Amino acid sequence: MLLARSLRAAAAAALRPPLPAPRRPLSSASPRALLPPPAAAPALARSLWQLGGGAGRTALLRPRRGSAGRVSCGCGGLHTEGDKAFAQFLTDEIKEEKKIQKHKSLPKVSGGWELEVHGTEAKLVRKIAGEKITVTFNINNSIPPSAEEDTQEQQKPDEQEPELTSTPNFVVEVIKDDTKQTLVLDCHFPEDEIGNEGEEESDIFTIREVSFQPTGESDWKDTNYTLNTDSLDWALYDHLMDFLADRGVDNTFADELVELSTALEHQEYIKFLEDLKSFVKLDTESK
């Protein structure tokens, strides 16, 4: 098992793209900021947008030629027929998204993890035998951009729209009661590992970077040594993965984190649509 995991880790490392700067977690208890992944291509078009091939969205947002479509109501605000159509579209879109919403409330992660959510950021906390383990992730830009291309190529007109999956980068912090240092491990989900459930010995997430940071300080020190696992000894990498597994961060945890992140991302997406609808209707309702 050790050799199999080592060979897999080495192969994944050889294909892994250049790493972004380490992310910084942020929570009410610790004001560290967990930066989202670099901006990627737009995520999948959802429900009505995708079923309509994107044409409906484009038509709604395209300016009308020859007429601005403005309506004067004496309030000084800009009103257009496009705004009215946009608001109606959002109403229908929200209904469709709520209809396919899998979780009405966020799913729990087994193993005694406590969940804290601050907007798009979530933190899982677990305390065991003199240690505190926290796992922090942000759902922004967490849907792989390649999923859009795969869906457009594979989906047939009569097929149901595939479920979007959020696979965010996440940071694990291990704090021991009697030390002034925190062990920080920056992890991510390689795209080629997601969904490979048949490979029993394969880890569905990998460690990208490891460092020590001062416990209790608001900002991480960039001057502290950061170990990149691309050049890491295979045996040391395996021990680090076992270290995480002993503290509850294993494949089962990673699967449940993906389910939680996907539910949170969908929840935030619906909230965004509702906020956008309210913003657009501020003008259309006064017509």
Protein backbone atom coordinates (compact mmCIF):
# COMPACT_ATOMS: atom_id res chain seq x y z
CA MET A 1 0.00 0.00 0.00
CA LEU A 2 2.84 2.38 0.88
CA LEU A 3 4.59 1.79 -2.45
CA ALA A 4 1.34 2.14 -4.43
CA ARG A 5 0.53 5.42 -2.78
CA SER A 6 4.09 6.66 -3.30
CA LEU A 7 4.03 5.85 -7.02
CA ARG A 8 0.66 7.58 -7.38
CA ALA A 9 1.88 10.64 -5.54
CA ALA A 10 4.96 10.85 -7.75
CA ALA A 11 2.89 10.53 -10.95
CA ALA A 12 0.44 13.17 -9.76
CA ALA A 13 3.29 15.48 -8.84
CA ALA A 14 4.84 15.16 -12.32
CA LEU A 15 1.59 16.27 -13.97
CA ARG A 16 0.63 18.88 -11.41
CA PRO A 17 0.55 22.47 -12.77
CA PRO A 18 2.54 25.27 -11.07
CA LEU A 19 1.19 25.97 -7.62
CA PRO A 20 -0.47 29.25 -6.66
CA ALA A 21 0.59 31.16 -3.57
CA PRO A 22 -0.46 29.48 -0.28
CA ARG A 23 -3.97 30.37 0.77
CA ARG A 24 -4.79 32.00 4.08
CA PRO A 25 -7.77 30.86 6.24
CA LEU A 26 -10.19 33.42 7.66
CA SER A 27 -12.74 33.01 10.45
CA SER A 28 -14.23 34.91 13.34
CA ALA A 29 -11.82 33.16 15.71
CA SER A 30 -8.77 33.71 13.51
CA PRO A 31 -8.67 36.59 11.01
CA ARG A 32 -6.50 34.72 8.59
CA ALA A 33 -7.77 35.05 5.02
CA LEU A 34 -8.16 31.90 2.93
CA LEU A 35 -7.68 33.16 -0.58
CA PRO A 36 -9.83 31.52 -3.26
CA PRO A 37 -8.16 29.72 -6.14
CA PRO A 38 -7.04 31.79 -9.15
CA ALA A 39 -9.88 33.02 -11.32
CA ALA A 40 -10.94 30.31 -13.72
CA ALA A 41 -13.25 29.97 -16.69
CA PRO A 42 -16.96 30.53 -15.88
CA ALA A 43 -18.64 27.61 -14.16
CA LEU A 44 -21.37 25.55 -15.76
CA ALA A 45 -24.46 27.26 -17.01
CA ARG A 46 -27.24 26.08 -14.73
CA SER A 47 -30.73 24.71 -15.28
CA LEU A 48 -32.62 27.02 -17.66
CA TRP A 49 -29.50 28.71 -19.00
CA GLN A 50 -27.94 25.41 -19.99
CA LEU A 51 -31.15 23.79 -21.21
CA GLY A 52 -31.64 26.79 -23.45
CA GLY A 53 -28.13 26.50 -24.80
CA GLY A 54 -27.20 29.87 -23.33
CA ALA A 55 -29.13 31.71 -26.06
CA GLY A 56 -31.81 32.96 -23.71
CA ARG A 57 -29.26 34.55 -21.38
CA THR A 58 -27.42 36.22 -24.23
CA ALA A 59 -30.61 37.61 -25.72
CA LEU A 60 -31.70 39.04 -22.39
CA LEU A 61 -28.44 40.87 -21.81
CA ARG A 62 -27.90 42.09 -25.37
CA PRO A 63 -28.84 45.79 -25.88
CA ARG A 64 -31.76 46.37 -28.21
CA ARG A 65 -30.72 48.07 -31.42
CA GLY A 66 -32.57 51.21 -32.46
CA SER A 67 -34.23 51.74 -29.06
CA ALA A 68 -32.96 51.93 -25.50
CA GLY A 69 -36.29 50.58 -24.27
CA ARG A 70 -36.36 53.11 -21.45
CA VAL A 71 -39.55 53.82 -19.51
CA SER A 72 -39.99 57.06 -17.57
CA CYS A 73 -41.88 56.88 -14.28
CA GLY A 74 -40.73 60.14 -12.71
CA CYS A 75 -38.54 58.51 -10.05
CA GLY A 76 -35.27 59.33 -11.81
CA GLY A 77 -34.27 55.65 -12.14
CA LEU A 78 -33.51 53.74 -15.34
CA HIS A 79 -36.19 51.22 -16.35
CA THR A 80 -36.11 49.02 -19.44
CA GLU A 81 -38.14 46.21 -20.89
CA GLY A 82 -34.95 44.21 -20.63
CA ASP A 83 -34.92 44.71 -16.85
CA LYS A 84 -38.48 43.43 -16.65
CA ALA A 85 -37.63 40.36 -18.74
CA PHE A 86 -34.48 39.83 -16.68
CA ALA A 87 -36.45 39.87 -13.41
CA GLN A 88 -38.93 37.34 -14.79
CA PHE A 89 -36.10 35.13 -15.97
CA LEU A 90 -34.51 35.20 -12.52
CA THR A 91 -37.85 34.29 -10.92
CA ASP A 92 -38.08 31.19 -13.13
CA GLU A 93 -34.40 30.35 -12.60
CA ILE A 94 -34.73 30.48 -8.80
CA LYS A 95 -37.73 28.13 -8.94
CA GLU A 96 -35.77 25.64 -11.04
CA GLU A 97 -32.71 25.77 -8.79
CA LYS A 98 -34.79 25.23 -5.66
CA LYS A 99 -36.51 22.32 -7.37
CA ILE A 100 -33.20 20.51 -7.96
CA GLN A 101 -31.59 21.56 -4.66
CA LYS A 102 -30.38 18.35 -3.00
CA HIS A 103 -29.88 19.69 0.52
CA LYS A 104 -32.25 22.21 2.10
CA SER A 105 -29.84 22.44 5.04
CA LEU A 106 -26.09 21.87 5.05
CA PRO A 107 -25.08 18.21 5.55
CA LYS A 108 -23.01 17.28 8.58
CA VAL A 109 -19.53 15.79 8.50
CA SER A 110 -19.14 12.64 10.59
CA GLY A 111 -16.41 12.24 13.20
CA GLY A 112 -17.30 14.99 15.64
CA TRP A 113 -16.50 17.94 13.38
CA GLU A 114 -18.17 21.24 14.26
CA LEU A 115 -19.09 23.51 11.35
CA GLU A 116 -18.69 27.28 11.19
CA VAL A 117 -19.85 29.16 8.08
CA HIS A 118 -19.00 32.76 7.20
CA GLY A 119 -20.48 33.56 3.79
CA THR A 120 -18.60 31.51 1.20
CA GLU A 121 -16.05 30.25 3.72
CA ALA A 122 -16.50 27.26 5.99
CA LYS A 123 -14.41 25.90 8.84
CA LEU A 124 -14.58 22.42 10.37
CA VAL A 125 -13.15 22.07 13.87
CA ARG A 126 -12.33 18.91 15.83
CA LYS A 127 -10.58 18.52 19.20
CA ILE A 128 -8.92 15.25 20.20
CA ALA A 129 -6.40 14.34 22.90
CA GLY A 130 -4.74 17.72 23.36
CA GLU A 131 -4.94 18.73 19.71
CA LYS A 132 -7.18 21.04 17.74
CA ILE A 133 -7.64 20.30 14.04
CA THR A 134 -9.27 22.85 11.76
CA VAL A 135 -10.09 22.48 8.09
CA THR A 136 -10.93 25.68 6.21
CA PHE A 137 -12.19 26.06 2.64
CA ASN A 138 -13.88 28.63 0.39
CA ILE A 139 -16.48 27.64 -2.21
CA ASN A 140 -15.68 30.51 -4.61
CA ASN A 141 -14.32 29.18 -7.92
CA SER A 142 -14.58 25.64 -6.52
CA ILE A 143 -16.35 24.04 -9.50
CA PRO A 144 -13.71 22.74 -11.95
CA PRO A 145 -13.90 24.71 -15.24
CA SER A 146 -13.37 21.54 -17.29
CA ALA A 147 -16.76 20.25 -16.11
CA GLU A 148 -18.49 22.70 -18.49
CA GLU A 149 -16.72 21.34 -21.56
CA ASP A 150 -17.34 17.71 -20.51
CA THR A 151 -21.06 18.38 -19.99
CA GLN A 152 -21.51 20.11 -23.35
CA GLU A 153 -19.77 17.27 -25.16
CA GLN A 154 -21.40 14.33 -23.36
CA GLN A 155 -24.92 15.50 -22.58
CA LYS A 156 -27.66 14.64 -25.06
CA PRO A 157 -30.74 16.85 -25.49
CA ASP A 158 -33.06 14.49 -23.61
CA GLU A 159 -30.63 13.73 -20.79
CA GLN A 160 -30.95 15.27 -17.33
CA GLU A 161 -28.46 18.00 -16.52
CA PRO A 162 -25.52 16.49 -14.55
CA GLU A 163 -25.00 17.57 -10.98
CA LEU A 164 -22.31 20.16 -10.37
CA THR A 165 -19.66 19.21 -7.82
CA SER A 166 -17.67 21.67 -5.73
CA THR A 167 -14.11 20.53 -5.02
CA PRO A 168 -12.41 23.38 -3.16
CA ASN A 169 -8.83 23.61 -2.02
CA PHE A 170 -8.68 23.29 1.76
CA VAL A 171 -6.19 24.05 4.52
CA VAL A 172 -5.65 21.77 7.51
CA GLU A 173 -4.20 23.28 10.69
CA VAL A 174 -3.03 21.05 13.55
CA ILE A 175 -2.47 22.82 16.88
CA LYS A 176 -1.02 21.08 19.93
CA ASP A 177 -1.87 22.48 23.36
CA ASP A 178 1.70 23.01 24.57
CA THR A 179 3.36 24.36 21.43
CA LYS A 180 3.68 27.80 19.87
CA GLN A 181 3.66 26.49 16.30
CA THR A 182 0.82 25.29 14.09
CA LEU A 183 1.39 22.67 11.41
CA VAL A 184 -0.34 23.85 8.23
CA LEU A 185 -1.07 21.58 5.26
CA ASP A 186 -2.46 23.03 2.03
CA CYS A 187 -4.52 20.36 0.22
CA HIS A 188 -6.48 20.09 -3.02
CA PHE A 189 -8.50 17.66 -5.15
CA PRO A 190 -6.71 16.58 -8.36
CA GLU A 191 -9.27 16.49 -11.18
CA ASP A 192 -8.22 13.03 -12.32
CA GLU A 193 -8.89 11.56 -8.85
CA ILE A 194 -12.49 12.78 -8.45
CA GLY A 195 -14.94 9.95 -9.03
CA ASN A 196 -12.30 7.17 -9.15
CA GLU A 197 -14.02 5.19 -6.43
CA GLY A 198 -12.88 1.86 -7.80
CA GLU A 199 -9.26 2.51 -6.86
CA GLU A 200 -9.27 1.50 -3.20
CA GLU A 201 -5.69 2.53 -2.54
CA SER A 202 -5.94 5.93 -4.22
CA ASP A 203 -6.22 9.11 -2.17
CA ILE A 204 -8.82 11.50 -3.61
CA PHE A 205 -6.97 14.54 -2.29
CA THR A 206 -3.30 15.47 -2.13
CA ILE A 207 -1.06 17.68 -0.01
CA ARG A 208 0.53 20.53 -1.97
CA GLU A 209 2.44 22.47 0.68
CA VAL A 210 3.39 22.11 4.35
CA SER A 211 4.66 24.77 6.74
CA PHE A 212 4.80 25.86 10.37
CA GLN A 213 3.11 29.09 11.41
CA PRO A 214 3.00 30.87 14.78
CA THR A 215 -0.03 29.78 16.80
CA GLY A 216 -2.54 32.51 17.57
CA GLU A 217 -1.15 35.17 15.22
CA SER A 218 -3.49 36.85 12.76
CA ASP A 219 -1.17 36.71 9.75
CA TRP A 220 1.01 33.97 8.40
CA LYS A 221 4.68 34.77 7.99
CA ASP A 222 5.90 34.45 4.41
CA THR A 223 9.43 34.21 5.76
CA ASN A 224 8.68 30.81 7.32
CA TYR A 225 9.91 27.84 5.32
CA THR A 226 7.24 26.21 3.13
CA LEU A 227 7.76 22.66 1.89
CA ASN A 228 6.46 21.97 -1.62
CA THR A 229 5.50 18.31 -2.01
CA ASP A 230 6.59 18.24 -5.67
CA SER A 231 10.11 17.60 -4.45
CA LEU A 232 9.19 15.63 -1.34
CA ASP A 233 10.51 12.18 -0.47
CA TRP A 234 7.83 9.55 -1.13
CA ALA A 235 8.07 8.00 2.32
CA LEU A 236 7.76 11.40 4.04
CA TYR A 237 4.70 12.25 1.94
CA ASP A 238 3.06 8.94 2.93
CA HIS A 239 3.71 9.64 6.60
CA LEU A 240 2.09 13.07 6.23
CA MET A 241 -1.01 11.51 4.64
CA ASP A 242 -1.16 8.93 7.46
CA PHE A 243 -0.74 11.77 9.99
CA LEU A 244 -3.84 13.45 8.57
CA ALA A 245 -5.80 10.19 8.41
CA ASP A 246 -5.08 9.51 12.10
CA ARG A 247 -6.74 12.86 12.84
CA GLY A 248 -9.82 12.18 10.76
CA VAL A 249 -8.78 13.80 7.47
CA ASP A 250 -9.02 10.82 5.13
CA ASN A 251 -10.93 9.79 1.99
CA THR A 252 -14.22 9.50 3.89
CA PHE A 253 -13.77 12.99 5.28
CA ALA A 254 -12.84 14.32 1.83
CA ASP A 255 -15.98 12.81 0.28
CA GLU A 256 -18.15 14.42 2.95
CA LEU A 257 -16.32 17.74 2.54
CA VAL A 258 -17.14 17.70 -1.19
CA GLU A 259 -20.81 17.03 -0.41
CA LEU A 260 -20.84 19.86 2.14
CA SER A 261 -19.05 22.26 -0.20
CA THR A 262 -21.40 21.40 -3.08
CA ALA A 263 -24.45 22.05 -0.90
CA LEU A 264 -23.00 25.35 0.35
CA GLU A 265 -22.08 26.47 -3.18
CA HIS A 266 -25.60 25.73 -4.45
CA GLN A 267 -27.12 27.52 -1.45
CA GLU A 268 -24.98 30.60 -2.08
CA TYR A 269 -25.80 30.50 -5.80
CA ILE A 270 -29.54 30.57 -5.10
CA LYS A 271 -29.03 33.42 -2.63
CA PHE A 272 -27.08 35.32 -5.28
CA LEU A 273 -29.92 34.88 -7.78
CA GLU A 274 -32.41 36.12 -5.18
CA ASP A 275 -30.26 39.17 -4.41
CA LEU A 276 -29.84 39.87 -8.12
CA LYS A 277 -33.59 39.61 -8.66
CA SER A 278 -34.25 42.04 -5.79
CA PHE A 279 -31.67 44.45 -7.20
CA VAL A 280 -33.21 44.37 -10.67
CA LYS A 281 -36.79 44.64 -9.37
CA LEU A 282 -36.03 47.81 -7.41
CA ASP A 283 -36.61 49.62 -10.70
CA THR A 284 -39.05 47.34 -12.48
CA GLU A 285 -41.58 47.33 -9.62
CA SER A 286 -41.83 51.14 -9.69
CA LYS A 287 -42.89 51.26 -13.31
